[in-house]
Amino acid sequence: MTNTPAYYDADTCDIRDFAALIDQSLQAEDVPHASDIQKNVPIYDMADLRDALLNADARRALMAEWAAVLHRGAGVVALRNTYTNTAVLDQATNVYQDIIAQEKQANGGGADHFATAGANDRIWNALQKLCEAAPETYFAYFANATIAAISEAWLGPNFQMTAQVNLVHPGGAAQQAHRDYHLGFQSADVSAQYPAHVHDVSPILTLQGAIAHCDMPIESGPTKILPFSQAYRPGYAAWRRDDFRAMFEERHVQIALSKGDTLFFNPALFHAAGANTSADIHRFANLLQVSSAFGRAMETIDRDKICRLTYPVAVAAQSRGTVDAADMSAFIASTAEGYAFPTNLDRDPPVGGLAPETQAAFYARALQDGMNPDAFGTHLDAMAAAQRA
């Protein structure tokens, strides 16, 4: 048995351990396929590596190198010339600009998880919306062997692609340092309820990426990243602490990108979108969030239906006093959906937090408030409608 804690607590996170990790330097021998290393970030020229993607052995060797960097190395890779023909990016940008205008007119535009409201324009589910608006552009956009290879390198085959456009205008403020989905989108209290080994699992279920739709010099605010920070195991407990955020601001780096370049990183890497201090660059990135095929249950369960069937039973048991709070909580955990994702973030936004209210949280709230079964069913209808694609 080791002395590794069973749970992580923000109060026990050690900034000295964190500093020792980020003091590392990436060595050239660890990234033989890279054309350059900048600020501990390996740079790969995908125009030169195109042939490697077409050969099974060479492709696997490249993917193994990427996986090692994302897991134990710097935690981030920059892929130059992911799109050698950037015309498809211009076509997609035009479609997305139209979508932004339409959504602003309809509802004021999308919110953001970690940035000040109004600092940017956001398109949720940009993948499906691009396909619905321009199927041929969508085809050319995602028919990209580099994006498939880096996704498979981290997640294995059968990954699930999603995308969210982020357009940051001149003067747009920076985000706060954070980690990403899954545990990074939970509140500090909820994150602390997950055992330490789950903190290790969360990062290997998702890959974060950004496609540069325009040139992104440093003054435009490309993503601020802290190489090697993903290796700090209690980081999901630590990232909200002032001292960790201060060290991030002191030690982070930024890599300038050109149109057609991409940046991919471990979601546990401490990172934040930078401030756009330029006079005239509207920084346009499509943020890819690629998920493991394993992030699914074995069976399909109609939890909406069993919530409706059991709610009167739960109300009666609560009224009779035949079930205590611990057993009621256990019942809800086995019955209702306890996770907020996936959802339709246009209709079910993370207002007031990082995630919408879950079905399980609503079930508990309804019991506490004495909601009648008809009102309970009506609210479930509204929740289901909001979550549909």
Protein backbone atom coordinates (compact mmCIF):
# COMPACT_ATOMS: atom_id res chain seq x y z
CA MET A 1 0.00 0.00 0.00
CA THR A 2 1.23 3.50 -0.81
CA ASN A 3 0.59 6.74 0.98
CA THR A 4 -1.48 8.08 -1.93
CA PRO A 5 -4.64 9.64 -0.45
CA ALA A 6 -7.99 8.05 -1.25
CA TYR A 7 -9.48 11.49 -1.92
CA TYR A 8 -7.97 14.83 -2.87
CA ASP A 9 -8.53 17.97 -0.85
CA ALA A 10 -7.60 21.47 -1.99
CA ASP A 11 -6.19 22.27 1.43
CA THR A 12 -3.58 19.51 1.19
CA CYS A 13 -2.31 20.35 -2.31
CA ASP A 14 1.37 21.30 -2.22
CA ILE A 15 2.51 24.14 -4.50
CA ARG A 16 6.12 22.91 -4.13
CA ASP A 17 5.28 19.55 -5.69
CA PHE A 18 3.51 21.37 -8.50
CA ALA A 19 6.52 23.65 -9.07
CA ALA A 20 8.87 20.67 -9.26
CA LEU A 21 6.79 19.16 -12.06
CA ILE A 22 6.59 22.30 -14.18
CA ASP A 23 10.33 22.88 -13.75
CA GLN A 24 10.97 19.99 -16.15
CA SER A 25 12.27 20.52 -19.68
CA LEU A 26 11.21 18.59 -22.77
CA GLN A 27 14.14 16.80 -24.39
CA ALA A 28 14.57 16.55 -28.15
CA GLU A 29 15.25 12.80 -27.95
CA ASP A 30 11.78 12.32 -26.49
CA VAL A 31 10.10 13.86 -29.56
CA PRO A 32 12.09 12.65 -32.60
CA HIS A 33 9.27 13.43 -35.03
CA ALA A 34 9.03 17.07 -33.91
CA SER A 35 10.49 19.74 -36.16
CA ASP A 36 11.03 22.14 -33.27
CA ILE A 37 10.50 22.67 -29.54
CA GLN A 38 9.26 26.07 -28.40
CA LYS A 39 8.80 26.87 -24.71
CA ASN A 40 8.66 23.14 -23.91
CA VAL A 41 5.97 22.58 -26.55
CA PRO A 42 6.89 20.15 -29.36
CA ILE A 43 6.05 21.43 -32.83
CA TYR A 44 5.15 18.97 -35.59
CA ASP A 45 4.98 19.95 -39.26
CA MET A 46 2.17 17.83 -40.63
CA ALA A 47 2.98 18.78 -44.21
CA ASP A 48 6.24 16.86 -43.75
CA LEU A 49 4.60 14.06 -41.78
CA ARG A 50 1.75 13.41 -44.21
CA ASP A 51 3.43 10.25 -45.59
CA ALA A 52 3.79 8.91 -42.04
CA LEU A 53 0.01 9.05 -41.63
CA LEU A 54 -0.40 6.84 -44.71
CA ASN A 55 1.87 4.06 -43.43
CA ALA A 56 0.51 1.88 -40.63
CA ASP A 57 3.80 1.37 -38.78
CA ALA A 58 4.95 4.98 -39.13
CA ARG A 59 1.52 6.25 -38.07
CA ARG A 60 1.56 4.09 -34.95
CA ALA A 61 5.07 5.27 -34.03
CA LEU A 62 3.97 8.90 -34.37
CA MET A 63 0.83 8.29 -32.32
CA ALA A 64 2.87 6.55 -29.61
CA GLU A 65 5.10 9.63 -29.41
CA TRP A 66 2.10 11.95 -29.15
CA ALA A 67 0.51 9.81 -26.44
CA ALA A 68 3.71 9.87 -24.39
CA VAL A 69 3.91 13.67 -24.68
CA LEU A 70 0.26 14.12 -23.69
CA HIS A 71 0.50 11.68 -20.77
CA ARG A 72 3.95 11.97 -19.21
CA GLY A 73 5.60 14.78 -21.16
CA ALA A 74 4.67 18.39 -21.76
CA GLY A 75 0.97 17.54 -22.06
CA VAL A 76 0.54 19.55 -25.28
CA VAL A 77 1.49 19.39 -28.97
CA ALA A 78 1.28 21.99 -31.73
CA LEU A 79 0.60 20.61 -35.20
CA ARG A 80 1.58 23.00 -37.98
CA ASN A 81 -0.20 22.71 -41.33
CA THR A 82 -2.97 20.46 -40.07
CA TYR A 83 -4.85 22.07 -42.94
CA THR A 84 -2.48 22.68 -45.85
CA ASN A 85 -5.35 24.04 -47.91
CA THR A 86 -7.03 26.60 -45.68
CA ALA A 87 -9.83 27.42 -48.10
CA VAL A 88 -12.11 25.01 -46.22
CA LEU A 89 -11.45 26.98 -43.03
CA ASP A 90 -12.53 30.18 -44.76
CA GLN A 91 -15.68 28.46 -45.99
CA ALA A 92 -16.45 27.16 -42.50
CA THR A 93 -15.71 30.56 -40.96
CA ASN A 94 -18.27 32.19 -43.26
CA VAL A 95 -20.88 29.61 -42.25
CA TYR A 96 -20.09 30.06 -38.57
CA GLN A 97 -20.25 33.86 -38.85
CA ASP A 98 -23.78 33.50 -40.23
CA ILE A 99 -24.71 31.16 -37.38
CA ILE A 100 -23.32 33.61 -34.81
CA ALA A 101 -25.37 36.43 -36.32
CA GLN A 102 -28.53 34.30 -36.34
CA GLU A 103 -28.07 33.13 -32.75
CA LYS A 104 -27.31 36.62 -31.51
CA GLN A 105 -30.51 37.86 -33.08
CA ALA A 106 -32.47 34.98 -31.59
CA ASN A 107 -31.08 34.73 -28.07
CA GLY A 108 -28.03 36.92 -27.60
CA GLY A 109 -25.44 34.20 -28.29
CA GLY A 110 -23.81 31.45 -26.23
CA ALA A 111 -22.31 31.76 -22.77
CA ASP A 112 -18.83 30.58 -21.81
CA HIS A 113 -17.63 28.33 -18.98
CA PHE A 114 -14.54 30.26 -17.90
CA ALA A 115 -14.64 33.73 -19.52
CA THR A 116 -16.46 36.95 -18.76
CA ALA A 117 -19.85 37.20 -20.44
CA GLY A 118 -19.72 39.22 -23.62
CA ALA A 119 -15.97 38.73 -24.14
CA ASN A 120 -16.53 36.38 -27.03
CA ASP A 121 -18.97 34.72 -29.37
CA ARG A 122 -19.60 31.04 -28.76
CA ILE A 123 -21.31 28.41 -30.90
CA TRP A 124 -22.29 25.26 -29.05
CA ASN A 125 -22.47 22.04 -31.11
CA ALA A 126 -20.58 23.68 -33.95
CA LEU A 127 -20.03 20.24 -35.48
CA GLN A 128 -23.69 19.47 -36.16
CA LYS A 129 -24.55 23.05 -37.05
CA LEU A 130 -21.83 23.18 -39.71
CA CYS A 131 -23.08 19.90 -41.16
CA GLU A 132 -26.70 21.10 -41.25
CA ALA A 133 -25.77 24.39 -42.90
CA ALA A 134 -23.12 23.16 -45.36
CA PRO A 135 -22.66 19.37 -45.64
CA GLU A 136 -19.94 19.62 -48.29
CA THR A 137 -17.90 22.05 -46.20
CA TYR A 138 -18.40 19.81 -43.18
CA PHE A 139 -17.11 16.82 -45.17
CA ALA A 140 -13.97 18.64 -46.30
CA TYR A 141 -13.40 20.03 -42.79
CA PHE A 142 -13.44 16.71 -40.95
CA ALA A 143 -11.88 14.58 -43.70
CA ASN A 144 -8.55 15.27 -42.02
CA ALA A 145 -6.10 12.45 -41.26
CA THR A 146 -4.09 14.53 -38.78
CA ILE A 147 -7.08 15.20 -36.53
CA ALA A 148 -8.06 11.54 -36.66
CA ALA A 149 -4.52 10.40 -35.79
CA ILE A 150 -4.04 12.69 -32.78
CA SER A 151 -7.52 11.77 -31.50
CA GLU A 152 -6.78 8.07 -31.84
CA ALA A 153 -3.35 8.52 -30.26
CA TRP A 154 -4.94 9.63 -26.99
CA LEU A 155 -8.33 7.92 -27.03
CA GLY A 156 -7.97 4.89 -29.26
CA PRO A 157 -10.37 4.12 -32.13
CA ASN A 158 -14.09 4.89 -32.29
CA PHE A 159 -13.72 8.29 -30.64
CA GLN A 160 -16.62 10.76 -30.57
CA MET A 161 -16.06 14.22 -32.04
CA THR A 162 -17.68 17.44 -30.80
CA ALA A 163 -16.77 21.08 -31.47
CA GLN A 164 -17.53 24.55 -30.10
CA VAL A 165 -16.55 27.74 -31.92
CA ASN A 166 -14.94 30.47 -29.82
CA LEU A 167 -14.52 33.91 -31.38
CA VAL A 168 -12.68 36.42 -29.17
CA HIS A 169 -12.78 40.04 -30.29
CA PRO A 170 -10.13 42.73 -29.72
CA GLY A 171 -10.26 43.64 -26.05
CA GLY A 172 -11.63 40.24 -25.06
CA ALA A 173 -10.50 39.31 -21.55
CA ALA A 174 -8.51 36.18 -20.71
CA GLN A 175 -10.06 33.14 -19.07
CA GLN A 176 -9.05 32.00 -15.61
CA ALA A 177 -6.66 29.07 -15.38
CA HIS A 178 -8.54 25.78 -15.24
CA ARG A 179 -8.66 22.13 -16.16
CA ASP A 180 -11.30 20.73 -18.49
CA TYR A 181 -14.00 18.11 -18.88
CA HIS A 182 -14.90 15.85 -17.07
CA LEU A 183 -13.82 16.77 -13.55
CA GLY A 184 -12.86 20.30 -14.56
CA PHE A 185 -16.54 21.01 -15.27
CA GLN A 186 -17.62 19.98 -11.79
CA SER A 187 -17.81 22.26 -8.79
CA ALA A 188 -15.04 21.97 -6.22
CA ASP A 189 -17.37 20.15 -3.81
CA VAL A 190 -18.52 17.63 -6.42
CA SER A 191 -15.00 17.05 -7.71
CA ALA A 192 -13.83 16.29 -4.17
CA GLN A 193 -16.41 13.50 -3.89
CA TYR A 194 -14.67 11.47 -6.60
CA PRO A 195 -11.89 9.17 -5.32
CA ALA A 196 -8.29 9.87 -6.28
CA HIS A 197 -8.07 7.12 -8.89
CA VAL A 198 -10.99 8.66 -10.78
CA HIS A 199 -8.98 11.90 -10.98
CA ASP A 200 -6.44 9.82 -12.91
CA VAL A 201 -9.11 8.40 -15.22
CA SER A 202 -10.84 11.67 -16.14
CA PRO A 203 -8.08 13.07 -18.40
CA ILE A 204 -7.77 9.92 -20.52
CA LEU A 205 -11.43 10.11 -21.51
CA THR A 206 -11.14 13.40 -23.44
CA LEU A 207 -8.77 15.21 -25.78
CA GLN A 208 -8.88 18.99 -26.11
CA GLY A 209 -7.96 20.68 -29.38
CA ALA A 210 -8.19 24.01 -31.16
CA ILE A 211 -8.18 24.67 -34.89
CA ALA A 212 -6.86 28.11 -35.82
CA HIS A 213 -9.19 29.72 -38.36
CA CYS A 214 -6.93 32.76 -38.57
CA ASP A 215 -3.36 33.70 -37.78
CA MET A 216 -2.97 33.98 -34.01
CA PRO A 217 0.04 36.04 -32.94
CA ILE A 218 0.63 36.32 -29.20
CA GLU A 219 -1.16 39.67 -28.95
CA SER A 220 -4.36 38.01 -30.17
CA GLY A 221 -4.33 35.80 -27.06
CA PRO A 222 -3.74 32.18 -28.11
CA THR A 223 -4.25 29.63 -25.37
CA LYS A 224 -2.10 30.07 -22.28
CA ILE A 225 -0.67 26.69 -21.28
CA LEU A 226 1.54 25.36 -18.51
CA PRO A 227 3.60 22.39 -19.78
CA PHE A 228 3.84 19.38 -17.47
CA SER A 229 1.04 20.65 -15.20
CA GLN A 230 -1.22 17.77 -16.24
CA ALA A 231 1.08 15.44 -14.27
CA TYR A 232 0.06 16.97 -10.93
CA ARG A 233 -2.40 14.31 -9.79
CA PRO A 234 -4.44 16.44 -7.33
CA GLY A 235 -4.75 19.21 -9.93
CA TYR A 236 -8.54 19.03 -10.15
CA ALA A 237 -8.60 19.94 -6.47
CA ALA A 238 -5.86 22.56 -6.82
CA TRP A 239 -6.70 24.63 -9.88
CA ARG A 240 -9.06 26.99 -8.09
CA ARG A 241 -6.49 27.86 -5.39
CA ASP A 242 -5.07 31.37 -5.62
CA ASP A 243 -1.46 30.23 -5.28
CA PHE A 244 -1.77 27.70 -8.11
CA ARG A 245 -3.45 30.26 -10.34
CA ALA A 246 -0.76 32.80 -9.50
CA MET A 247 1.95 30.33 -10.45
CA PHE A 248 0.10 29.62 -13.69
CA GLU A 249 0.05 33.32 -14.55
CA GLU A 250 3.76 33.59 -13.72
CA ARG A 251 4.92 30.50 -15.60
CA HIS A 252 2.49 29.92 -18.50
CA VAL A 253 3.58 30.02 -22.14
CA GLN A 254 1.79 30.79 -25.40
CA ILE A 255 2.49 29.48 -28.89
CA ALA A 256 1.63 31.66 -31.88
CA LEU A 257 -0.41 29.77 -34.46
CA SER A 258 -1.00 30.30 -38.16
CA LYS A 259 -4.25 29.63 -39.96
CA GLY A 260 -4.54 25.87 -40.42
CA ASP A 261 -2.44 24.99 -37.36
CA THR A 262 -3.89 23.09 -34.41
CA LEU A 263 -3.08 22.77 -30.72
CA PHE A 264 -4.00 19.60 -28.82
CA PHE A 265 -3.58 19.00 -25.12
CA ASN A 266 -4.40 16.76 -22.20
CA PRO A 267 -7.55 18.19 -20.53
CA ALA A 268 -5.75 18.09 -17.17
CA LEU A 269 -3.20 20.63 -18.43
CA PHE A 270 -3.62 23.97 -16.64
CA HIS A 271 -4.67 26.35 -19.40
CA ALA A 272 -6.75 29.42 -20.22
CA ALA A 273 -7.62 31.43 -23.29
CA GLY A 274 -5.43 34.52 -23.46
CA ALA A 275 -6.49 38.17 -23.55
CA ASN A 276 -6.90 39.59 -27.05
CA THR A 277 -4.87 42.80 -26.79
CA SER A 278 -4.68 43.30 -30.56
CA ALA A 279 -6.30 46.23 -32.31
CA ASP A 280 -7.95 44.33 -35.13
CA ILE A 281 -7.58 40.53 -34.82
CA HIS A 282 -10.80 38.65 -34.19
CA ARG A 283 -9.33 35.42 -32.85
CA PHE A 284 -11.36 32.58 -34.33
CA ALA A 285 -10.84 29.03 -33.09
CA ASN A 286 -12.91 25.91 -33.35
CA LEU A 287 -12.45 24.05 -30.06
CA LEU A 288 -12.54 20.29 -30.48
CA GLN A 289 -13.53 18.12 -27.57
CA VAL A 290 -13.00 14.50 -28.54
CA SER A 291 -14.34 11.79 -26.24
CA SER A 292 -13.43 8.16 -25.66
CA ALA A 293 -15.79 5.51 -26.95
CA PHE A 294 -15.67 4.02 -23.44
CA GLY A 295 -17.54 6.92 -21.83
CA ARG A 296 -20.85 5.08 -22.10
CA ALA A 297 -22.92 2.65 -20.04
CA MET A 298 -23.42 -0.94 -21.18
CA GLU A 299 -27.23 -0.79 -21.42
CA THR A 300 -29.70 1.86 -22.50
CA ILE A 301 -32.05 2.80 -19.66
CA ASP A 302 -35.13 5.00 -19.96
CA ARG A 303 -34.38 6.95 -16.79
CA ASP A 304 -37.05 9.52 -17.56
CA LYS A 305 -39.65 6.77 -17.47
CA ILE A 306 -38.47 5.15 -14.24
CA CYS A 307 -38.26 8.55 -12.56
CA ARG A 308 -41.93 9.15 -13.39
CA LEU A 309 -42.95 5.68 -12.23
CA THR A 310 -41.09 5.86 -8.94
CA TYR A 311 -41.72 9.46 -7.91
CA PRO A 312 -45.16 8.82 -6.30
CA VAL A 313 -43.64 5.79 -4.51
CA ALA A 314 -40.77 7.93 -3.19
CA VAL A 315 -43.16 10.67 -2.09
CA ALA A 316 -45.29 8.14 -0.19
CA ALA A 317 -42.25 6.54 1.45
CA GLN A 318 -40.95 9.93 2.49
CA SER A 319 -44.36 10.88 3.90
CA ARG A 320 -44.57 7.66 5.92
CA GLY A 321 -41.03 8.08 7.20
CA THR A 322 -40.09 4.55 6.09
CA VAL A 323 -36.88 5.60 4.33
CA ASP A 324 -34.07 7.71 5.76
CA ALA A 325 -32.04 10.30 3.86
CA ALA A 326 -29.14 7.93 3.12
CA ASP A 327 -31.36 5.27 1.59
CA MET A 328 -33.34 7.84 -0.38
CA SER A 329 -30.09 9.23 -1.78
CA ALA A 330 -29.02 5.68 -2.74
CA PHE A 331 -32.35 5.10 -4.49
CA ILE A 332 -32.03 8.33 -6.50
CA ALA A 333 -28.46 7.48 -7.50
CA SER A 334 -29.62 4.17 -9.02
CA THR A 335 -32.67 5.64 -10.69
CA ALA A 336 -32.09 9.15 -12.06
CA GLU A 337 -29.41 10.49 -14.40
CA GLY A 338 -26.75 11.97 -12.13
CA TYR A 339 -24.59 13.57 -14.81
CA ALA A 340 -25.38 16.73 -16.75
CA PHE A 341 -23.70 15.73 -20.01
CA PRO A 342 -24.15 15.24 -22.90
CA THR A 343 -26.75 17.94 -23.35
CA ASN A 344 -27.79 20.67 -25.76
CA LEU A 345 -25.89 23.67 -24.38
CA ASP A 346 -27.93 26.10 -26.45
CA ARG A 347 -31.14 25.16 -24.63
CA ASP A 348 -29.58 23.78 -21.45
CA PRO A 349 -26.73 26.19 -20.68
CA PRO A 350 -24.46 26.09 -17.61
CA VAL A 351 -26.04 29.23 -16.17
CA GLY A 352 -24.88 29.92 -12.62
CA GLY A 353 -22.21 27.21 -12.71
CA LEU A 354 -20.24 24.88 -14.93
CA ALA A 355 -23.03 22.37 -15.57
CA PRO A 356 -26.85 22.35 -15.76
CA GLU A 357 -28.96 20.76 -13.02
CA THR A 358 -29.02 16.98 -13.32
CA GLN A 359 -32.08 14.77 -13.29
CA ALA A 360 -30.93 13.31 -9.96
CA ALA A 361 -30.47 16.74 -8.41
CA PHE A 362 -33.94 17.74 -9.60
CA TYR A 363 -35.47 14.54 -8.20
CA ALA A 364 -34.00 15.29 -4.76
CA ARG A 365 -35.09 18.92 -4.98
CA ALA A 366 -38.64 17.93 -5.97
CA LEU A 367 -38.93 15.65 -2.95
CA GLN A 368 -37.60 18.35 -0.65
CA ASP A 369 -39.99 20.94 -2.06
CA GLY A 370 -43.02 18.62 -1.97
CA MET A 371 -43.63 18.90 -5.72
CA ASN A 372 -46.70 17.01 -6.91
CA PRO A 373 -46.31 14.24 -9.53
CA ASP A 374 -47.90 16.26 -12.34
CA ALA A 375 -45.52 19.18 -11.82
CA PHE A 376 -42.64 16.68 -11.54
CA GLY A 377 -43.56 15.17 -14.90
CA THR A 378 -43.93 18.58 -16.53
CA HIS A 379 -40.45 19.58 -15.39
CA LEU A 380 -39.00 16.30 -16.68
CA ASP A 381 -40.61 17.08 -20.05
CA ALA A 382 -38.90 20.47 -20.08
CA MET A 383 -35.54 18.93 -19.11
CA ALA A 384 -35.78 16.31 -21.86
CA ALA A 385 -36.73 18.91 -24.45
CA ALA A 386 -33.78 21.11 -23.44
CA GLN A 387 -31.30 18.24 -23.72
CA ARG A 388 -32.33 17.02 -27.17
CA ALA A 389 -30.03 17.76 -30.11
